[in-house]
Structure formats: C-alpha cells, structure tokens
Amino acid sequence: MVVVKDMENAAYGQSMGSKAAPSVTRSDLFPKLVAMQRSLGAKNFMVLRAVAAGFPNKRKLSCELENLGLSAGEQSTQLVQVLGERLLDHLESSLLPVAWMSDSETGFADLPDVPALLVRLDNASLGYCGVGFPVRLGTMGNGFVIFFGGNLLLDNELMLEQHVKCTQIMVDLLAMDERRVSPSEALSEREVACLQLAGDGRISEEIATKLGLSVHTVNAYLGSATIKLDSVNRIQAIAKAIRLGFIH
C-alpha cells in the first residue's frame, strides 16, 4: 500500500508541477485507456469520479469516460448499483486495487502473490470480472479507473504500472476541469452562494429568503453558474462545483 501511495503521489506531483506540459483532451485519454485495457486483458474501461457530498447530500460515483457504446448508460448504472457503495467505502480507507470475478467465478486466475496487492470483492450479480484502481487527489480528484470483462492479467508488476497510469488519467481529468473554468468564467460570490445553498438541499425560494434576493434573481445566478460550469442542469453544476472546490 505504501508503495502504491508513493507512486501515485509522484505521478501527481510530476503532472501538476510541470506547467510547460501540453494540454490534454478527452480524445487524448481514450487511446491511453484502450492501451491499458489491452495490457490487462480486459474488454472495456470506465472512469468513475467520486462526489463525497452535495445535492441531495449523498455520496455518489459518476461515469466520466467509457468505451461501452450504446449500452454505456445501462452498464455504468448497473456497476454503480452493485458495487458503488463498496467502492466508495474502499476509496476512503485504502489505495489498494480491487478486483471481482464474474458471477460464475471466472475472469482471472488466483495467482499466489496477487491477493497481497488487491482486495477481492464478492460479486453475485455482474456477469463479468473487473479490476478497479482507486485514485485520491483530494476532494476534487477522487475516483476509480476500472477495467472489466475478458480474462484479466493481474500480476503485481503490471498492476503497479497500470495504477500509476490510472493516477495520471485522473490528474489529466482534473486539469481539464480547471481549464474549463477560465478566469473570465470564474463564478461570482453570489453564484457560489446560491450553488452552496442548492447543494445543501435548499430550493430557490429558501435560497432567496436566506440571501435577501428575489426567486427570479436566484434562478438567474444558478442558471449562469450552470452555463459557466458547462453543465446540463443544476445538479450536475453542483457536483462539478464541488469537484472544482467552489463549494463543499
């Protein structure tokens, strides 16, 4: 565990400390994830970001990147429903990778040295095996990079190598979020205040009373904040504001 944590910290520091590094886009991350998927003998990947709190005041995992095609929504929802709470609990206590066999107990061999480097999860619902690499970069950059399906290769050296790469993937996603909110698009104090109260579960009328504003003005602030955060609705804007550190 110490080795994994040190390697993750090194990857994080190298990325965040190199201002001359070129900007990375989501299209750059996709082939990297596919290459990692192949190295591990998996068929698909999924990057999950963790939101520890917010509207409606509940921990959750959201899918940021995947290569599931038309079944993406259904499969990501199923995985989070079956393993989500256990993944979130694990993320708070350990940096060891997790792995699970398919519901028919297939997917990878129980090599003698592998259990020392990962945590096995019971699975009676998912028809595929998987391995998940936890990443903790502070409240704005926590989550899992998951590879699943196929016949997984889980030897220790490969697992360590892929764990470091997974950390870099999450660092790059975090950097993309930060670039998306440029200084000219930074949230105002009123927008932050409205988002914070909305994240605490307050409706527009309650926010208006609390801040001494009209309901129309509150909705305008929430609408402008949603646009600045490149979100499709208020709930997504709150989740993104938490990840970016605007609210807690």
C-alpha atoms as a PDB file:
ATOM      1  CA  MET A   1       0.000   0.000   0.000  1.00  0.00           C
ATOM      2  CA  VAL A   2       2.816   2.408   0.839  1.00  0.00           C
ATOM      3  CA  VAL A   3       4.487   1.693  -2.499  1.00  0.00           C
ATOM      4  CA  VAL A   4       1.270   2.364  -4.398  1.00  0.00           C
ATOM      5  CA  LYS A   5       0.647   5.600  -2.491  1.00  0.00           C
ATOM      6  CA  ASP A   6       4.193   6.860  -3.073  1.00  0.00           C
ATOM      7  CA  MET A   7       3.961   6.096  -6.787  1.00  0.00           C
ATOM      8  CA  GLU A   8       0.617   7.906  -7.029  1.00  0.00           C
ATOM      9  CA  ASN A   9       1.981  10.942  -5.204  1.00  0.00           C
ATOM     10  CA  ALA A  10       4.976  11.047  -7.528  1.00  0.00           C
ATOM     11  CA  ALA A  11       2.777  10.911 -10.604  1.00  0.00           C
ATOM     12  CA  TYR A  12       0.529  13.643  -9.239  1.00  0.00           C
ATOM     13  CA  GLY A  13       3.419  15.924  -8.323  1.00  0.00           C
ATOM     14  CA  GLN A  14       5.126  15.475 -11.677  1.00  0.00           C
ATOM     15  CA  SER A  15       1.971  16.323 -13.591  1.00  0.00           C
ATOM     16  CA  MET A  16       0.834  19.299 -11.526  1.00  0.00           C
ATOM     17  CA  GLY A  17       4.334  20.723 -11.243  1.00  0.00           C
ATOM     18  CA  SER A  18       5.039  20.779 -14.971  1.00  0.00           C
ATOM     19  CA  LYS A  19       3.371  23.915 -16.305  1.00  0.00           C
ATOM     20  CA  ALA A  20       5.019  23.528 -19.694  1.00  0.00           C
ATOM     21  CA  ALA A  21       3.235  20.239 -20.356  1.00  0.00           C
ATOM     22  CA  PRO A  22       0.821  20.413 -23.298  1.00  0.00           C
ATOM     23  CA  SER A  23      -2.903  20.468 -22.580  1.00  0.00           C
ATOM     24  CA  VAL A  24      -4.569  17.059 -22.648  1.00  0.00           C
ATOM     25  CA  THR A  25      -8.068  16.495 -24.031  1.00  0.00           C
ATOM     26  CA  ARG A  26     -10.522  13.654 -23.545  1.00  0.00           C
ATOM     27  CA  SER A  27      -9.702  12.421 -27.042  1.00  0.00           C
ATOM     28  CA  ASP A  28      -6.070  12.065 -25.882  1.00  0.00           C
ATOM     29  CA  LEU A  29      -7.081   9.962 -22.885  1.00  0.00           C
ATOM     30  CA  PHE A  30      -9.204   7.478 -24.824  1.00  0.00           C
ATOM     31  CA  PRO A  31      -6.359   5.681 -26.686  1.00  0.00           C
ATOM     32  CA  LYS A  32      -4.305   5.593 -23.476  1.00  0.00           C
ATOM     33  CA  LEU A  33      -7.138   3.860 -21.657  1.00  0.00           C
ATOM     34  CA  VAL A  34      -7.646   1.423 -24.531  1.00  0.00           C
ATOM     35  CA  ALA A  35      -3.935   0.520 -24.435  1.00  0.00           C
ATOM     36  CA  MET A  36      -4.132  -0.063 -20.672  1.00  0.00           C
ATOM     37  CA  GLN A  37      -7.270  -2.147 -21.168  1.00  0.00           C
ATOM     38  CA  ARG A  38      -5.433  -4.392 -23.627  1.00  0.00           C
ATOM     39  CA  SER A  39      -2.435  -4.753 -21.323  1.00  0.00           C
ATOM     40  CA  LEU A  40      -4.729  -6.030 -18.583  1.00  0.00           C
ATOM     41  CA  GLY A  41      -6.639  -8.401 -20.879  1.00  0.00           C
ATOM     42  CA  ALA A  42      -9.916  -6.527 -20.364  1.00  0.00           C
ATOM     43  CA  LYS A  43     -12.647  -5.712 -22.894  1.00  0.00           C
ATOM     44  CA  ASN A  44     -13.834  -2.329 -21.626  1.00  0.00           C
ATOM     45  CA  PHE A  45     -12.916   0.540 -19.326  1.00  0.00           C
ATOM     46  CA  MET A  46     -14.777   3.063 -17.200  1.00  0.00           C
ATOM     47  CA  VAL A  47     -13.535   6.118 -15.301  1.00  0.00           C
ATOM     48  CA  LEU A  48     -15.652   6.941 -12.263  1.00  0.00           C
ATOM     49  CA  ARG A  49     -15.382  10.203 -10.343  1.00  0.00           C
ATOM     50  CA  ALA A  50     -16.459  10.345  -6.707  1.00  0.00           C
ATOM     51  CA  VAL A  51     -18.540  13.150  -5.240  1.00  0.00           C
ATOM     52  CA  ALA A  52     -18.447  12.953  -1.458  1.00  0.00           C
ATOM     53  CA  ALA A  53     -21.331  15.330  -0.765  1.00  0.00           C
ATOM     54  CA  GLY A  54     -23.733  17.714  -2.416  1.00  0.00           C
ATOM     55  CA  PHE A  55     -27.283  17.694  -3.715  1.00  0.00           C
ATOM     56  CA  PRO A  56     -29.072  15.701  -2.416  1.00  0.00           C
ATOM     57  CA  ASN A  57     -26.371  15.302   0.259  1.00  0.00           C
ATOM     58  CA  LYS A  58     -25.350  11.813  -0.761  1.00  0.00           C
ATOM     59  CA  ARG A  59     -22.092  10.204  -1.854  1.00  0.00           C
ATOM     60  CA  LYS A  60     -22.084   9.027  -5.431  1.00  0.00           C
ATOM     61  CA  LEU A  61     -19.960   7.872  -8.347  1.00  0.00           C
ATOM     62  CA  SER A  62     -20.401   9.366 -11.795  1.00  0.00           C
ATOM     63  CA  CYS A  63     -19.076   7.964 -15.065  1.00  0.00           C
ATOM     64  CA  GLU A  64     -16.660  10.361 -16.826  1.00  0.00           C
ATOM     65  CA  LEU A  65     -15.212   8.193 -19.610  1.00  0.00           C
ATOM     66  CA  GLU A  66     -16.048   4.751 -21.027  1.00  0.00           C
ATOM     67  CA  ASN A  67     -15.995   2.706 -24.224  1.00  0.00           C
ATOM     68  CA  LEU A  68     -19.247   0.801 -23.770  1.00  0.00           C
ATOM     69  CA  GLY A  69     -21.030   2.139 -26.838  1.00  0.00           C
ATOM     70  CA  LEU A  70     -24.829   2.056 -26.871  1.00  0.00           C
ATOM     71  CA  SER A  71     -25.020   0.142 -23.573  1.00  0.00           C
ATOM     72  CA  ALA A  72     -22.981   2.727 -21.652  1.00  0.00           C
ATOM     73  CA  GLY A  73     -25.801   4.140 -19.553  1.00  0.00           C
ATOM     74  CA  GLU A  74     -27.227   0.763 -18.584  1.00  0.00           C
ATOM     75  CA  GLN A  75     -23.882  -0.856 -17.784  1.00  0.00           C
ATOM     76  CA  SER A  76     -22.460   2.067 -15.819  1.00  0.00           C
ATOM     77  CA  THR A  77     -25.672   2.318 -13.793  1.00  0.00           C
ATOM     78  CA  GLN A  78     -25.627  -1.419 -13.078  1.00  0.00           C
ATOM     79  CA  LEU A  79     -21.992  -1.407 -11.980  1.00  0.00           C
ATOM     80  CA  VAL A  80     -22.529   1.547  -9.647  1.00  0.00           C
ATOM     81  CA  GLN A  81     -25.683  -0.019  -8.204  1.00  0.00           C
ATOM     82  CA  VAL A  82     -23.948  -3.320  -7.475  1.00  0.00           C
ATOM     83  CA  LEU A  83     -20.515  -2.110  -6.339  1.00  0.00           C
ATOM     84  CA  GLY A  84     -20.847   1.648  -5.802  1.00  0.00           C
ATOM     85  CA  GLU A  85     -21.124   1.752  -2.019  1.00  0.00           C
ATOM     86  CA  ARG A  86     -18.306  -0.758  -1.560  1.00  0.00           C
ATOM     87  CA  LEU A  87     -16.093   1.189  -3.951  1.00  0.00           C
ATOM     88  CA  LEU A  88     -16.763   4.441  -2.095  1.00  0.00           C
ATOM     89  CA  ASP A  89     -16.066   2.824   1.273  1.00  0.00           C
ATOM     90  CA  HIS A  90     -12.847   1.345  -0.085  1.00  0.00           C
ATOM     91  CA  LEU A  91     -11.746   4.693  -1.543  1.00  0.00           C
ATOM     92  CA  GLU A  92     -11.941   6.275   1.908  1.00  0.00           C
ATOM     93  CA  SER A  93      -9.763   3.628   3.547  1.00  0.00           C
ATOM     94  CA  SER A  94      -7.328   2.145   1.034  1.00  0.00           C
ATOM     95  CA  LEU A  95      -5.355   2.721  -2.165  1.00  0.00           C
ATOM     96  CA  LEU A  96      -5.093  -0.975  -2.972  1.00  0.00           C
ATOM     97  CA  PRO A  97      -6.758  -2.022  -6.237  1.00  0.00           C
ATOM     98  CA  VAL A  98      -9.976  -4.018  -6.024  1.00  0.00           C
ATOM     99  CA  ALA A  99     -10.993  -6.958  -8.203  1.00  0.00           C
ATOM    100  CA  TRP A 100     -14.004  -9.184  -8.605  1.00  0.00           C
ATOM    101  CA  MET A 101     -14.737 -12.342 -10.544  1.00  0.00           C
ATOM    102  CA  SER A 102     -17.836 -12.763 -12.693  1.00  0.00           C
ATOM    103  CA  ASP A 103     -20.964 -14.190 -11.091  1.00  0.00           C
ATOM    104  CA  SER A 104     -19.806 -17.591 -12.384  1.00  0.00           C
ATOM    105  CA  GLU A 105     -16.413 -17.095 -10.656  1.00  0.00           C
ATOM    106  CA  THR A 106     -14.355 -16.682 -13.816  1.00  0.00           C
ATOM    107  CA  GLY A 107     -12.194 -13.922 -15.223  1.00  0.00           C
ATOM    108  CA  PHE A 108      -8.757 -14.314 -13.693  1.00  0.00           C
ATOM    109  CA  ALA A 109      -6.574 -16.897 -12.014  1.00  0.00           C
ATOM    110  CA  ASP A 110      -5.918 -16.776  -8.268  1.00  0.00           C
ATOM    111  CA  LEU A 111      -2.157 -16.342  -8.523  1.00  0.00           C
ATOM    112  CA  PRO A 112      -0.335 -16.844  -5.189  1.00  0.00           C
ATOM    113  CA  ASP A 113       1.130 -13.322  -4.982  1.00  0.00           C
ATOM    114  CA  VAL A 114      -1.853 -11.340  -6.304  1.00  0.00           C
ATOM    115  CA  PRO A 115      -4.010 -11.252  -3.115  1.00  0.00           C
ATOM    116  CA  ALA A 116      -1.279  -9.247  -1.355  1.00  0.00           C
ATOM    117  CA  LEU A 117      -1.737  -6.398  -3.813  1.00  0.00           C
ATOM    118  CA  LEU A 118      -5.518  -6.173  -4.176  1.00  0.00           C
ATOM    119  CA  VAL A 119      -8.785  -6.504  -2.326  1.00  0.00           C
ATOM    120  CA  ARG A 120     -11.258  -9.099  -3.561  1.00  0.00           C
ATOM    121  CA  LEU A 121     -14.907  -8.049  -3.817  1.00  0.00           C
ATOM    122  CA  ASP A 122     -17.754 -10.576  -3.760  1.00  0.00           C
ATOM    123  CA  ASN A 123     -19.950 -10.476  -6.836  1.00  0.00           C
ATOM    124  CA  ALA A 124     -23.190 -12.371  -7.384  1.00  0.00           C
ATOM    125  CA  SER A 125     -24.790 -10.019  -9.911  1.00  0.00           C
ATOM    126  CA  LEU A 126     -22.342  -8.872 -12.591  1.00  0.00           C
ATOM    127  CA  GLY A 127     -21.707 -11.258 -15.462  1.00  0.00           C
ATOM    128  CA  TYR A 128     -18.146 -10.046 -15.957  1.00  0.00           C
ATOM    129  CA  CYS A 129     -14.946  -9.743 -13.952  1.00  0.00           C
ATOM    130  CA  GLY A 130     -13.201  -6.457 -13.249  1.00  0.00           C
ATOM    131  CA  VAL A 131     -10.325  -4.630 -11.614  1.00  0.00           C
ATOM    132  CA  GLY A 132     -10.534  -1.100 -10.231  1.00  0.00           C
ATOM    133  CA  PHE A 133      -7.671   1.253  -9.381  1.00  0.00           C
ATOM    134  CA  PRO A 134      -8.551   3.842  -6.706  1.00  0.00           C
ATOM    135  CA  VAL A 135      -7.134   7.358  -7.039  1.00  0.00           C
ATOM    136  CA  ARG A 136      -7.179  10.018  -4.331  1.00  0.00           C
ATOM    137  CA  LEU A 137      -6.089  13.538  -5.293  1.00  0.00           C
ATOM    138  CA  GLY A 138      -8.098  15.475  -2.735  1.00  0.00           C
ATOM    139  CA  THR A 139     -11.845  16.128  -2.806  1.00  0.00           C
ATOM    140  CA  MET A 140     -11.755  17.290  -6.437  1.00  0.00           C
ATOM    141  CA  GLY A 141      -9.973  14.315  -7.943  1.00  0.00           C
ATOM    142  CA  ASN A 142     -11.078  11.094  -6.285  1.00  0.00           C
ATOM    143  CA  GLY A 143     -12.395   8.046  -8.075  1.00  0.00           C
ATOM    144  CA  PHE A 144     -11.672   4.780  -9.827  1.00  0.00           C
ATOM    145  CA  VAL A 145     -10.343   3.695 -13.194  1.00  0.00           C
ATOM    146  CA  ILE A 146     -11.966   0.344 -13.877  1.00  0.00           C
ATOM    147  CA  PHE A 147     -11.224  -2.322 -16.475  1.00  0.00           C
ATOM    148  CA  PHE A 148     -13.584  -5.258 -16.896  1.00  0.00           C
ATOM    149  CA  GLY A 149     -14.546  -8.257 -18.982  1.00  0.00           C
ATOM    150  CA  GLY A 150     -12.201 -10.616 -20.775  1.00  0.00           C
ATOM    151  CA  ASN A 151      -9.532 -12.646 -18.990  1.00  0.00           C
ATOM    152  CA  LEU A 152      -7.678 -10.264 -16.680  1.00  0.00           C
ATOM    153  CA  LEU A 153      -3.916 -10.308 -16.169  1.00  0.00           C
ATOM    154  CA  LEU A 154      -3.224  -9.363 -12.550  1.00  0.00           C
ATOM    155  CA  ASP A 155       0.472  -9.882 -11.877  1.00  0.00           C
ATOM    156  CA  ASN A 156       1.997  -7.478  -9.367  1.00  0.00           C
ATOM    157  CA  GLU A 157       4.388  -5.619 -11.677  1.00  0.00           C
ATOM    158  CA  LEU A 158       1.689  -4.925 -14.257  1.00  0.00           C
ATOM    159  CA  MET A 159      -0.769  -3.817 -11.561  1.00  0.00           C
ATOM    160  CA  LEU A 160       1.694  -1.266 -10.142  1.00  0.00           C
ATOM    161  CA  GLU A 161       2.470   0.081 -13.610  1.00  0.00           C
ATOM    162  CA  GLN A 162      -1.197   0.481 -14.531  1.00  0.00           C
ATOM    163  CA  HIS A 163      -2.041   2.048 -11.157  1.00  0.00           C
ATOM    164  CA  VAL A 164       0.402   4.887 -11.784  1.00  0.00           C
ATOM    165  CA  LYS A 165      -1.072   5.398 -15.262  1.00  0.00           C
ATOM    166  CA  CYS A 166      -4.576   5.497 -13.775  1.00  0.00           C
ATOM    167  CA  THR A 167      -3.486   8.259 -11.419  1.00  0.00           C
ATOM    168  CA  GLN A 168      -2.208  10.262 -14.369  1.00  0.00           C
ATOM    169  CA  ILE A 169      -5.565   9.802 -16.126  1.00  0.00           C
ATOM    170  CA  MET A 170      -7.357  11.292 -13.112  1.00  0.00           C
ATOM    171  CA  VAL A 171      -4.823  14.136 -12.870  1.00  0.00           C
ATOM    172  CA  ASP A 172      -5.469  14.972 -16.527  1.00  0.00           C
ATOM    173  CA  LEU A 173      -9.238  14.934 -15.995  1.00  0.00           C
ATOM    174  CA  LEU A 174      -8.843  17.266 -13.039  1.00  0.00           C
ATOM    175  CA  ALA A 175      -6.676  19.625 -15.109  1.00  0.00           C
ATOM    176  CA  MET A 176      -9.323  19.656 -17.847  1.00  0.00           C
ATOM    177  CA  ASP A 177     -11.957  20.670 -15.309  1.00  0.00           C
ATOM    178  CA  GLU A 178      -9.751  23.506 -14.096  1.00  0.00           C
ATOM    179  CA  ARG A 179      -9.115  24.760 -17.643  1.00  0.00           C
ATOM    180  CA  ARG A 180     -12.824  24.640 -18.404  1.00  0.00           C
ATOM    181  CA  VAL A 181     -13.415  27.391 -15.836  1.00  0.00           C
ATOM    182  CA  SER A 182     -11.087  30.152 -17.029  1.00  0.00           C
ATOM    183  CA  PRO A 183     -10.577  33.400 -15.048  1.00  0.00           C
ATOM    184  CA  SER A 184     -13.087  35.182 -17.276  1.00  0.00           C
ATOM    185  CA  GLU A 185     -15.652  32.487 -16.453  1.00  0.00           C
ATOM    186  CA  ALA A 186     -14.946  32.277 -12.722  1.00  0.00           C
ATOM    187  CA  LEU A 187     -18.023  32.092 -10.533  1.00  0.00           C
ATOM    188  CA  SER A 188     -19.122  35.221  -8.712  1.00  0.00           C
ATOM    189  CA  GLU A 189     -19.687  35.301  -4.951  1.00  0.00           C
ATOM    190  CA  ARG A 190     -23.460  35.277  -5.465  1.00  0.00           C
ATOM    191  CA  GLU A 191     -23.282  32.324  -7.850  1.00  0.00           C
ATOM    192  CA  VAL A 192     -21.152  30.386  -5.369  1.00  0.00           C
ATOM    193  CA  ALA A 193     -23.514  31.236  -2.501  1.00  0.00           C
ATOM    194  CA  CYS A 194     -26.560  30.086  -4.481  1.00  0.00           C
ATOM    195  CA  LEU A 195     -24.846  26.879  -5.553  1.00  0.00           C
ATOM    196  CA  GLN A 196     -23.737  26.135  -1.985  1.00  0.00           C
ATOM    197  CA  LEU A 197     -27.249  26.511  -0.624  1.00  0.00           C
ATOM    198  CA  ALA A 198     -28.685  24.470  -3.502  1.00  0.00           C
ATOM    199  CA  GLY A 199     -26.096  21.801  -2.734  1.00  0.00           C
ATOM    200  CA  ASP A 200     -27.320  21.836   0.870  1.00  0.00           C
ATOM    201  CA  GLY A 201     -30.777  20.905  -0.412  1.00  0.00           C
ATOM    202  CA  ARG A 202     -32.396  24.359  -0.371  1.00  0.00           C
ATOM    203  CA  ILE A 203     -34.975  25.207  -3.054  1.00  0.00           C
ATOM    204  CA  SER A 204     -34.912  28.568  -4.860  1.00  0.00           C
ATOM    205  CA  GLU A 205     -37.481  30.162  -2.535  1.00  0.00           C
ATOM    206  CA  GLU A 206     -35.426  29.236   0.537  1.00  0.00           C
ATOM    207  CA  ILE A 207     -32.217  30.499  -1.072  1.00  0.00           C
ATOM    208  CA  ALA A 208     -33.923  33.781  -1.944  1.00  0.00           C
ATOM    209  CA  THR A 209     -35.050  34.266   1.665  1.00  0.00           C
ATOM    210  CA  LYS A 210     -31.618  33.359   3.025  1.00  0.00           C
ATOM    211  CA  LEU A 211     -29.737  35.771   0.734  1.00  0.00           C
ATOM    212  CA  GLY A 212     -32.346  38.527   0.587  1.00  0.00           C
ATOM    213  CA  LEU A 213     -32.865  38.125  -3.165  1.00  0.00           C
ATOM    214  CA  SER A 214     -35.850  37.510  -5.395  1.00  0.00           C
ATOM    215  CA  VAL A 215     -36.547  33.974  -6.622  1.00  0.00           C
ATOM    216  CA  HIS A 216     -36.003  35.215 -10.188  1.00  0.00           C
ATOM    217  CA  THR A 217     -32.538  36.519  -9.290  1.00  0.00           C
ATOM    218  CA  VAL A 218     -31.603  33.279  -7.523  1.00  0.00           C
ATOM    219  CA  ASN A 219     -32.618  31.251 -10.578  1.00  0.00           C
ATOM    220  CA  ALA A 220     -30.624  33.627 -12.775  1.00  0.00           C
ATOM    221  CA  TYR A 221     -27.492  33.124 -10.652  1.00  0.00           C
ATOM    222  CA  LEU A 222     -27.953  29.345 -10.689  1.00  0.00           C
ATOM    223  CA  GLY A 223     -28.521  29.428 -14.450  1.00  0.00           C
ATOM    224  CA  SER A 224     -25.410  31.486 -15.159  1.00  0.00           C
ATOM    225  CA  ALA A 225     -23.323  29.265 -12.867  1.00  0.00           C
ATOM    226  CA  THR A 226     -24.612  26.186 -14.695  1.00  0.00           C
ATOM    227  CA  ILE A 227     -23.545  27.671 -18.035  1.00  0.00           C
ATOM    228  CA  LYS A 228     -20.104  28.666 -16.728  1.00  0.00           C
ATOM    229  CA  LEU A 229     -19.563  25.162 -15.376  1.00  0.00           C
ATOM    230  CA  ASP A 230     -20.522  23.656 -18.741  1.00  0.00           C
ATOM    231  CA  SER A 231     -23.265  21.604 -17.104  1.00  0.00           C
ATOM    232  CA  VAL A 232     -26.608  20.415 -18.415  1.00  0.00           C
ATOM    233  CA  ASN A 233     -28.577  21.055 -15.219  1.00  0.00           C
ATOM    234  CA  ARG A 234     -28.357  22.372 -11.679  1.00  0.00           C
ATOM    235  CA  ILE A 235     -27.465  19.031 -10.104  1.00  0.00           C
ATOM    236  CA  GLN A 236     -24.527  18.498 -12.470  1.00  0.00           C
ATOM    237  CA  ALA A 237     -23.378  22.076 -11.839  1.00  0.00           C
ATOM    238  CA  ILE A 238     -23.365  21.446  -8.082  1.00  0.00           C
ATOM    239  CA  ALA A 239     -21.363  18.230  -8.500  1.00  0.00           C
ATOM    240  CA  LYS A 240     -18.841  19.994 -10.740  1.00  0.00           C
ATOM    241  CA  ALA A 241     -18.579  22.973  -8.365  1.00  0.00           C
ATOM    242  CA  ILE A 242     -17.721  20.528  -5.559  1.00  0.00           C
ATOM    243  CA  ARG A 243     -15.010  18.886  -7.678  1.00  0.00           C
ATOM    244  CA  LEU A 244     -13.553  22.269  -8.582  1.00  0.00           C
ATOM    245  CA  GLY A 245     -13.556  23.417  -4.971  1.00  0.00           C
ATOM    246  CA  PHE A 246     -16.036  26.289  -5.340  1.00  0.00           C
ATOM    247  CA  ILE A 247     -18.387  24.729  -2.761  1.00  0.00           C
ATOM    248  CA  HIS A 248     -18.155  21.854  -0.294  1.00  0.00           C
END
